[in-house]
C-alpha atoms as a PDB file:
ATOM      1  CA  MET A   1     -11.946 -16.052   9.771  1.00  0.00           C
ATOM      2  CA  THR A   2     -11.381 -13.218   7.309  1.00  0.00           C
ATOM      3  CA  ILE A   3      -8.613 -10.640   7.014  1.00  0.00           C
ATOM      4  CA  SER A   4     -10.802  -7.519   6.912  1.00  0.00           C
ATOM      5  CA  GLU A   5     -14.261  -6.093   7.477  1.00  0.00           C
ATOM      6  CA  SER A   6     -14.682  -5.613   3.729  1.00  0.00           C
ATOM      7  CA  VAL A   7     -14.131  -9.337   3.112  1.00  0.00           C
ATOM      8  CA  LYS A   8     -16.532 -10.126   5.959  1.00  0.00           C
ATOM      9  CA  ASN A   9     -19.155  -7.912   4.335  1.00  0.00           C
ATOM     10  CA  VAL A  10     -18.829  -9.874   1.082  1.00  0.00           C
ATOM     11  CA  PHE A  11     -19.615 -13.109   2.939  1.00  0.00           C
ATOM     12  CA  VAL A  12     -22.516 -11.506   4.814  1.00  0.00           C
ATOM     13  CA  GLU A  13     -23.992 -10.174   1.566  1.00  0.00           C
ATOM     14  CA  SER A  14     -23.716 -13.718   0.190  1.00  0.00           C
ATOM     15  CA  GLY A  15     -25.888 -15.027   3.004  1.00  0.00           C
ATOM     16  CA  PHE A  16     -23.416 -16.085   5.700  1.00  0.00           C
ATOM     17  CA  ASP A  17     -24.193 -15.380   9.347  1.00  0.00           C
ATOM     18  CA  ALA A  18     -22.238 -12.300  10.455  1.00  0.00           C
ATOM     19  CA  GLU A  19     -22.001 -13.672  14.007  1.00  0.00           C
ATOM     20  CA  ARG A  20     -20.005 -16.646  12.743  1.00  0.00           C
ATOM     21  CA  ILE A  21     -17.446 -14.582  10.828  1.00  0.00           C
ATOM     22  CA  HIS A  22     -14.488 -13.217  12.757  1.00  0.00           C
ATOM     23  CA  VAL A  23     -12.024 -10.632  11.455  1.00  0.00           C
ATOM     24  CA  ILE A  24      -8.334 -11.160  12.189  1.00  0.00           C
ATOM     25  CA  PRO A  25      -6.089  -8.996   9.991  1.00  0.00           C
ATOM     26  CA  ASP A  26      -2.884 -10.398   8.544  1.00  0.00           C
ATOM     27  CA  GLY A  27       0.199  -9.741  10.628  1.00  0.00           C
ATOM     28  CA  ILE A  28       3.632  -8.970   9.224  1.00  0.00           C
ATOM     29  CA  ASP A  29       7.215  -9.498  10.356  1.00  0.00           C
ATOM     30  CA  PHE A  30       8.726  -6.036  10.609  1.00  0.00           C
ATOM     31  CA  THR A  31      12.366  -7.067  10.810  1.00  0.00           C
ATOM     32  CA  GLN A  32      12.668  -7.354   7.021  1.00  0.00           C
ATOM     33  CA  TYR A  33      11.875  -3.639   6.638  1.00  0.00           C
ATOM     34  CA  GLU A  34      14.568  -2.317   8.969  1.00  0.00           C
ATOM     35  CA  ASP A  35      17.472  -2.437   6.483  1.00  0.00           C
ATOM     36  CA  LYS A  36      18.580   1.183   6.344  1.00  0.00           C
ATOM     37  CA  ALA A  37      21.306   0.334   3.807  1.00  0.00           C
ATOM     38  CA  SER A  38      18.688  -0.065   1.064  1.00  0.00           C
ATOM     39  CA  LYS A  39      17.515   3.575   1.214  1.00  0.00           C
ATOM     40  CA  ASP A  40      19.529   4.530  -1.891  1.00  0.00           C
ATOM     41  CA  TYR A  41      19.033   1.308  -3.847  1.00  0.00           C
ATOM     42  CA  LEU A  42      16.853   2.747  -6.632  1.00  0.00           C
ATOM     43  CA  ARG A  43      18.815   5.991  -6.875  1.00  0.00           C
ATOM     44  CA  GLN A  44      21.986   4.003  -7.446  1.00  0.00           C
ATOM     45  CA  GLU A  45      20.443   1.428  -9.785  1.00  0.00           C
ATOM     46  CA  LEU A  46      18.638   3.975 -11.991  1.00  0.00           C
ATOM     47  CA  SER A  47      20.994   6.940 -11.522  1.00  0.00           C
ATOM     48  CA  PHE A  48      18.378   9.239 -10.035  1.00  0.00           C
ATOM     49  CA  ALA A  49      19.465  12.610  -8.702  1.00  0.00           C
ATOM     50  CA  PRO A  50      19.535  13.061  -4.911  1.00  0.00           C
ATOM     51  CA  ASP A  51      16.605  15.489  -5.124  1.00  0.00           C
ATOM     52  CA  ASP A  52      14.422  13.311  -7.355  1.00  0.00           C
ATOM     53  CA  PHE A  53      11.145  12.417  -5.633  1.00  0.00           C
ATOM     54  CA  LEU A  54      10.380   8.715  -6.063  1.00  0.00           C
ATOM     55  CA  VAL A  55       6.738   7.627  -6.107  1.00  0.00           C
ATOM     56  CA  GLY A  56       6.153   3.893  -6.284  1.00  0.00           C
ATOM     57  CA  ILE A  57       3.413   1.330  -6.789  1.00  0.00           C
ATOM     58  CA  VAL A  58       4.078  -2.366  -6.159  1.00  0.00           C
ATOM     59  CA  VAL A  59       1.169  -4.497  -7.415  1.00  0.00           C
ATOM     60  CA  PRO A  60       0.435  -6.842 -10.350  1.00  0.00           C
ATOM     61  CA  LEU A  61      -0.346  -5.062 -13.614  1.00  0.00           C
ATOM     62  CA  SER A  62      -4.059  -5.879 -13.771  1.00  0.00           C
ATOM     63  CA  ASP A  63      -7.258  -3.936 -14.507  1.00  0.00           C
ATOM     64  CA  ASP A  64      -8.412  -3.550 -10.915  1.00  0.00           C
ATOM     65  CA  LYS A  65      -5.152  -1.964  -9.685  1.00  0.00           C
ATOM     66  CA  GLY A  66      -5.722   1.359 -11.434  1.00  0.00           C
ATOM     67  CA  HIS A  67      -2.301   1.813 -13.068  1.00  0.00           C
ATOM     68  CA  LYS A  68      -3.841   3.667 -16.004  1.00  0.00           C
ATOM     69  CA  TYR A  69      -5.145   6.362 -13.674  1.00  0.00           C
ATOM     70  CA  LEU A  70      -1.702   6.757 -12.135  1.00  0.00           C
ATOM     71  CA  ILE A  71      -0.174   7.145 -15.593  1.00  0.00           C
ATOM     72  CA  GLN A  72      -2.776   9.783 -16.451  1.00  0.00           C
ATOM     73  CA  VAL A  73      -1.431  12.062 -13.707  1.00  0.00           C
ATOM     74  CA  PHE A  74       2.000  12.443 -15.306  1.00  0.00           C
ATOM     75  CA  GLN A  75       1.171  15.432 -17.469  1.00  0.00           C
ATOM     76  CA  ARG A  76      -0.042  17.326 -14.407  1.00  0.00           C
ATOM     77  CA  LEU A  77       3.039  16.299 -12.473  1.00  0.00           C
ATOM     78  CA  ARG A  78       5.263  17.428 -15.342  1.00  0.00           C
ATOM     79  CA  GLU A  79       3.587  20.833 -15.344  1.00  0.00           C
ATOM     80  CA  HIS A  80       4.547  21.162 -11.692  1.00  0.00           C
ATOM     81  CA  THR A  81       8.031  19.623 -11.642  1.00  0.00           C
ATOM     82  CA  SER A  82      10.224  17.175 -13.533  1.00  0.00           C
ATOM     83  CA  LYS A  83      11.721  15.843 -10.287  1.00  0.00           C
ATOM     84  CA  ILE A  84       8.858  13.426  -9.552  1.00  0.00           C
ATOM     85  CA  LYS A  85       9.611   9.939 -10.884  1.00  0.00           C
ATOM     86  CA  VAL A  86       7.129   7.063 -10.827  1.00  0.00           C
ATOM     87  CA  ILE A  87       8.392   3.536 -10.219  1.00  0.00           C
ATOM     88  CA  ILE A  88       6.045   0.703 -11.235  1.00  0.00           C
ATOM     89  CA  ILE A  89       6.907  -2.709  -9.815  1.00  0.00           C
ATOM     90  CA  GLY A  90       5.023  -5.790 -10.972  1.00  0.00           C
ATOM     91  CA  GLU A  91       4.150  -7.990 -13.915  1.00  0.00           C
ATOM     92  CA  GLY A  92       0.868  -8.773 -15.620  1.00  0.00           C
ATOM     93  CA  ARG A  93      -1.155  -8.819 -18.788  1.00  0.00           C
ATOM     94  CA  LEU A  94      -1.394  -5.006 -18.957  1.00  0.00           C
ATOM     95  CA  GLN A  95       2.368  -4.550 -19.399  1.00  0.00           C
ATOM     96  CA  LEU A  96       2.263  -3.745 -23.125  1.00  0.00           C
ATOM     97  CA  GLU A  97      -0.858  -1.597 -22.820  1.00  0.00           C
ATOM     98  CA  LEU A  98       0.620   0.494 -20.015  1.00  0.00           C
ATOM     99  CA  ASN A  99       3.932   0.909 -21.834  1.00  0.00           C
ATOM    100  CA  LYS A 100       2.022   2.117 -24.881  1.00  0.00           C
ATOM    101  CA  GLN A 101       0.068   4.572 -22.718  1.00  0.00           C
ATOM    102  CA  VAL A 102       3.311   6.035 -21.347  1.00  0.00           C
ATOM    103  CA  LYS A 103       4.809   6.416 -24.837  1.00  0.00           C
ATOM    104  CA  GLU A 104       1.668   8.139 -26.100  1.00  0.00           C
ATOM    105  CA  ILE A 105       1.945  10.858 -23.467  1.00  0.00           C
ATOM    106  CA  GLN A 106       5.736  11.033 -23.945  1.00  0.00           C
ATOM    107  CA  GLU A 107       6.640  10.679 -20.291  1.00  0.00           C
ATOM    108  CA  GLN A 108       9.235   7.889 -20.538  1.00  0.00           C
ATOM    109  CA  ASP A 109      11.717   9.905 -18.476  1.00  0.00           C
ATOM    110  CA  MET A 110       9.249  10.068 -15.567  1.00  0.00           C
ATOM    111  CA  VAL A 111       7.914   6.497 -15.546  1.00  0.00           C
ATOM    112  CA  PHE A 112       9.989   3.380 -14.935  1.00  0.00           C
ATOM    113  CA  PHE A 113       8.700  -0.199 -15.249  1.00  0.00           C
ATOM    114  CA  LEU A 114      10.917  -2.537 -13.239  1.00  0.00           C
ATOM    115  CA  GLY A 115       8.889  -5.739 -13.598  1.00  0.00           C
ATOM    116  CA  PHE A 116       8.816  -8.360 -10.884  1.00  0.00           C
ATOM    117  CA  HIS A 117      11.157  -7.807  -7.943  1.00  0.00           C
ATOM    118  CA  GLU A 118      11.779 -10.388  -5.219  1.00  0.00           C
ATOM    119  CA  ASN A 119      12.922  -7.894  -2.581  1.00  0.00           C
ATOM    120  CA  ASN A 120       9.957  -5.574  -2.044  1.00  0.00           C
ATOM    121  CA  PRO A 121      11.339  -4.175   1.231  1.00  0.00           C
ATOM    122  CA  GLN A 122      14.444  -3.019  -0.638  1.00  0.00           C
ATOM    123  CA  ILE A 123      12.271  -1.246  -3.224  1.00  0.00           C
ATOM    124  CA  LEU A 124       9.919   0.281  -0.648  1.00  0.00           C
ATOM    125  CA  ASN A 125      12.788   1.593   1.460  1.00  0.00           C
ATOM    126  CA  SER A 126      14.062   3.423  -1.638  1.00  0.00           C
ATOM    127  CA  LEU A 127      10.842   5.348  -2.243  1.00  0.00           C
ATOM    128  CA  ASP A 128       9.600   8.715  -0.997  1.00  0.00           C
ATOM    129  CA  VAL A 129       5.864   7.954  -1.409  1.00  0.00           C
ATOM    130  CA  PHE A 130       3.824   4.800  -1.913  1.00  0.00           C
ATOM    131  CA  VAL A 131       0.723   4.965  -4.122  1.00  0.00           C
ATOM    132  CA  LEU A 132      -2.106   2.452  -4.376  1.00  0.00           C
ATOM    133  CA  SER A 133      -4.652   3.371  -7.047  1.00  0.00           C
ATOM    134  CA  SER A 134      -6.736   0.186  -6.817  1.00  0.00           C
ATOM    135  CA  GLY A 135     -10.463   0.298  -7.325  1.00  0.00           C
ATOM    136  CA  HIS A 136     -10.757  -2.158  -4.434  1.00  0.00           C
ATOM    137  CA  ASP A 137      -8.477  -4.069  -2.091  1.00  0.00           C
ATOM    138  CA  SER A 138      -9.344  -6.661   0.547  1.00  0.00           C
ATOM    139  CA  LEU A 139      -7.030  -5.227   3.200  1.00  0.00           C
ATOM    140  CA  GLY A 140      -4.236  -3.378   1.463  1.00  0.00           C
ATOM    141  CA  SER A 141      -1.401  -5.603   2.665  1.00  0.00           C
ATOM    142  CA  LEU A 142       0.990  -3.680   0.434  1.00  0.00           C
ATOM    143  CA  ILE A 143       0.011  -0.519   2.289  1.00  0.00           C
ATOM    144  CA  MET A 144       0.965  -2.310   5.486  1.00  0.00           C
ATOM    145  CA  ASP A 145       4.371  -3.054   3.968  1.00  0.00           C
ATOM    146  CA  ALA A 146       4.792   0.587   2.927  1.00  0.00           C
ATOM    147  CA  MET A 147       3.821   1.831   6.375  1.00  0.00           C
ATOM    148  CA  ALA A 148       6.349  -0.564   7.907  1.00  0.00           C
ATOM    149  CA  CYS A 149       8.974   1.376   5.913  1.00  0.00           C
ATOM    150  CA  ARG A 150       7.651   4.709   7.254  1.00  0.00           C
ATOM    151  CA  LEU A 151       6.437   5.689   3.780  1.00  0.00           C
ATOM    152  CA  PRO A 152       3.646   8.244   3.394  1.00  0.00           C
ATOM    153  CA  VAL A 153       0.778   6.641   1.518  1.00  0.00           C
ATOM    154  CA  VAL A 154      -1.581   7.972  -1.154  1.00  0.00           C
ATOM    155  CA  ALA A 155      -4.451   5.543  -1.735  1.00  0.00           C
ATOM    156  CA  THR A 156      -7.991   5.376  -3.044  1.00  0.00           C
ATOM    157  CA  ARG A 157     -11.057   5.336  -0.795  1.00  0.00           C
ATOM    158  CA  ALA A 158     -11.775   1.671  -1.414  1.00  0.00           C
ATOM    159  CA  ASP A 159     -12.735  -1.425   0.571  1.00  0.00           C
ATOM    160  CA  GLY A 160     -10.067  -2.632   2.988  1.00  0.00           C
ATOM    161  CA  ILE A 161      -7.856   0.403   2.368  1.00  0.00           C
ATOM    162  CA  LEU A 162     -10.135   2.432   4.635  1.00  0.00           C
ATOM    163  CA  GLU A 163      -9.309   0.045   7.476  1.00  0.00           C
ATOM    164  CA  LEU A 164      -5.650   1.070   7.202  1.00  0.00           C
ATOM    165  CA  VAL A 165      -5.531   4.664   6.042  1.00  0.00           C
ATOM    166  CA  THR A 166      -7.132   7.570   7.880  1.00  0.00           C
ATOM    167  CA  HIS A 167      -7.108  10.682   5.710  1.00  0.00           C
ATOM    168  CA  GLN A 168      -4.599  13.315   6.829  1.00  0.00           C
ATOM    169  CA  LYS A 169      -3.513  11.105   9.749  1.00  0.00           C
ATOM    170  CA  THR A 170      -1.894   7.965   8.366  1.00  0.00           C
ATOM    171  CA  GLY A 171      -2.037   8.865   4.673  1.00  0.00           C
ATOM    172  CA  LEU A 172      -3.940  10.746   1.987  1.00  0.00           C
ATOM    173  CA  LEU A 173      -7.112   9.293   0.472  1.00  0.00           C
ATOM    174  CA  VAL A 174      -8.488  10.154  -2.961  1.00  0.00           C
ATOM    175  CA  PRO A 175     -11.588   8.978  -4.865  1.00  0.00           C
ATOM    176  CA  PRO A 176     -11.040   5.978  -7.194  1.00  0.00           C
ATOM    177  CA  GLN A 177     -10.531   6.702 -10.894  1.00  0.00           C
ATOM    178  CA  ARG A 178      -9.821  10.391 -10.291  1.00  0.00           C
ATOM    179  CA  PRO A 179      -6.378  11.229 -11.764  1.00  0.00           C
ATOM    180  CA  LYS A 180      -6.648  14.930 -10.859  1.00  0.00           C
ATOM    181  CA  SER A 181      -7.161  14.134  -7.181  1.00  0.00           C
ATOM    182  CA  LEU A 182      -4.316  11.623  -7.289  1.00  0.00           C
ATOM    183  CA  ALA A 183      -1.992  14.200  -8.832  1.00  0.00           C
ATOM    184  CA  ARG A 184      -2.914  16.822  -6.223  1.00  0.00           C
ATOM    185  CA  ALA A 185      -2.149  14.389  -3.386  1.00  0.00           C
ATOM    186  CA  ILE A 186       1.264  13.456  -4.812  1.00  0.00           C
ATOM    187  CA  ILE A 187       2.182  17.100  -5.396  1.00  0.00           C
ATOM    188  CA  LYS A 188       1.059  17.973  -1.868  1.00  0.00           C
ATOM    189  CA  LEU A 189       3.535  15.495  -0.398  1.00  0.00           C
ATOM    190  CA  TYR A 190       6.259  16.649  -2.780  1.00  0.00           C
ATOM    191  CA  GLU A 191       5.801  20.233  -1.605  1.00  0.00           C
ATOM    192  CA  ASP A 192       5.236  19.494   2.084  1.00  0.00           C
ATOM    193  CA  ARG A 193       7.983  17.121   3.232  1.00  0.00           C
ATOM    194  CA  GLU A 194       7.088  17.722   6.873  1.00  0.00           C
ATOM    195  CA  LEU A 195       3.572  16.408   6.202  1.00  0.00           C
ATOM    196  CA  ALA A 196       5.031  13.453   4.290  1.00  0.00           C
ATOM    197  CA  HIS A 197       7.303  12.600   7.222  1.00  0.00           C
ATOM    198  CA  ARG A 198       4.461  12.949   9.744  1.00  0.00           C
ATOM    199  CA  LEU A 199       2.119  10.682   7.767  1.00  0.00           C
ATOM    200  CA  GLY A 200       4.872   8.109   7.324  1.00  0.00           C
ATOM    201  CA  GLN A 201       5.641   8.052  11.041  1.00  0.00           C
ATOM    202  CA  ARG A 202       1.993   7.789  12.080  1.00  0.00           C
ATOM    203  CA  GLY A 203       1.400   5.010   9.570  1.00  0.00           C
ATOM    204  CA  TYR A 204       4.430   3.180  10.964  1.00  0.00           C
ATOM    205  CA  GLU A 205       3.104   3.459  14.504  1.00  0.00           C
ATOM    206  CA  ASN A 206      -0.394   2.383  13.423  1.00  0.00           C
ATOM    207  CA  VAL A 207       0.703  -0.734  11.571  1.00  0.00           C
ATOM    208  CA  HIS A 208       3.047  -1.787  14.390  1.00  0.00           C
ATOM    209  CA  GLN A 209       0.242  -1.444  16.910  1.00  0.00           C
ATOM    210  CA  LYS A 210      -2.518  -3.184  14.982  1.00  0.00           C
ATOM    211  CA  PHE A 211      -0.961  -5.482  12.387  1.00  0.00           C
ATOM    212  CA  SER A 212       2.101  -7.157  13.864  1.00  0.00           C
ATOM    213  CA  ALA A 213       2.554 -10.920  13.529  1.00  0.00           C
ATOM    214  CA  GLU A 214       2.368 -11.146  17.310  1.00  0.00           C
ATOM    215  CA  SER A 215      -0.960  -9.313  17.365  1.00  0.00           C
ATOM    216  CA  MET A 216      -2.390 -11.643  14.706  1.00  0.00           C
ATOM    217  CA  VAL A 217      -1.349 -14.755  16.668  1.00  0.00           C
ATOM    218  CA  LEU A 218      -2.775 -13.466  19.951  1.00  0.00           C
ATOM    219  CA  LYS A 219      -6.092 -12.554  18.312  1.00  0.00           C
ATOM    220  CA  ALA A 220      -6.310 -16.029  16.764  1.00  0.00           C
ATOM    221  CA  ILE A 221      -5.565 -17.670  20.112  1.00  0.00           C
ATOM    222  CA  ASP A 222      -8.211 -15.539  21.823  1.00  0.00           C
ATOM    223  CA  LEU A 223     -10.751 -16.579  19.209  1.00  0.00           C
ATOM    224  CA  TYR A 224      -9.946 -20.298  19.521  1.00  0.00           C
ATOM    225  CA  GLU A 225     -10.174 -20.071  23.316  1.00  0.00           C
ATOM    226  CA  GLU A 226     -13.538 -18.332  23.071  1.00  0.00           C
ATOM    227  CA  LEU A 227     -14.915 -20.954  20.673  1.00  0.00           C
ATOM    228  CA  ALA A 228     -13.511 -23.814  22.764  1.00  0.00           C
ATOM    229  CA  LYS A 229     -15.024 -22.369  25.948  1.00  0.00           C
ATOM    230  CA  LYS A 230     -18.462 -22.337  24.322  1.00  0.00           C
ATOM    231  CA  LYS A 231     -18.046 -26.077  23.714  1.00  0.00           C
ATOM    232  CA  GLY A 232     -16.775 -26.748  27.228  1.00  0.00           C
ATOM    233  CA  ILE A 233     -13.190 -27.324  26.126  1.00  0.00           C
ATOM    234  CA  ARG A 234     -10.279 -25.793  28.027  1.00  0.00           C
ATOM    235  CA  LEU A 235      -7.207 -24.975  25.929  1.00  0.00           C
ATOM    236  CA  LEU A 236      -3.714 -24.662  27.372  1.00  0.00           C
ATOM    237  CA  ARG A 237      -2.178 -21.326  26.336  1.00  0.00           C
ATOM    238  CA  THR A 238       1.595 -21.480  25.730  1.00  0.00           C
ATOM    239  CA  VAL A 239       2.263 -17.874  24.612  1.00  0.00           C
END
């Protein structure tokens, strides 16, 4: 079993039989994302103004996650408004390099590195937009988490992300490694809050329908029953 079609394709390209590979996406427990009290967590912790627009990315600081392209958009964002703040959650070997990049473009008052954080739902619930600038992603489980918080998503057209985000319906998609396109998408959501709300709500509905823990379990049970039936084995279903 694999978690996405993109992972399945990797196995098929490596010579595995496509008929023997079954896709069952990860399922998530949505109860942890329903804490409404955490909506103002970041604004209180970092003293943001009520009208500041918080854009966040929650992934390890590694080459394939595209942080440098996100940082490159800041000058364009600054030209438009100083109210957009970018929150970077995660640790990794690029920490010093990314900090240096921010200092070089003199945008320290727009970019905030918070390091590792145990309570991602608390962080996500505090944001206005979630960004994923990865060059590739097997399924985009962090996008699932963001959608569970009703966050509008801006993501790259890459691998498993396309299985989660439909452009203009459940999020905005941009080409990988294109800071200008990324900046335009963020500004679009900053200017059009109705669109941001609509994308967040549709993403929430999509992830609840397709990627719940219950859905994952039922799909796995169906697969085991199908495989057992082919071997003449009858399984007793208990759920």
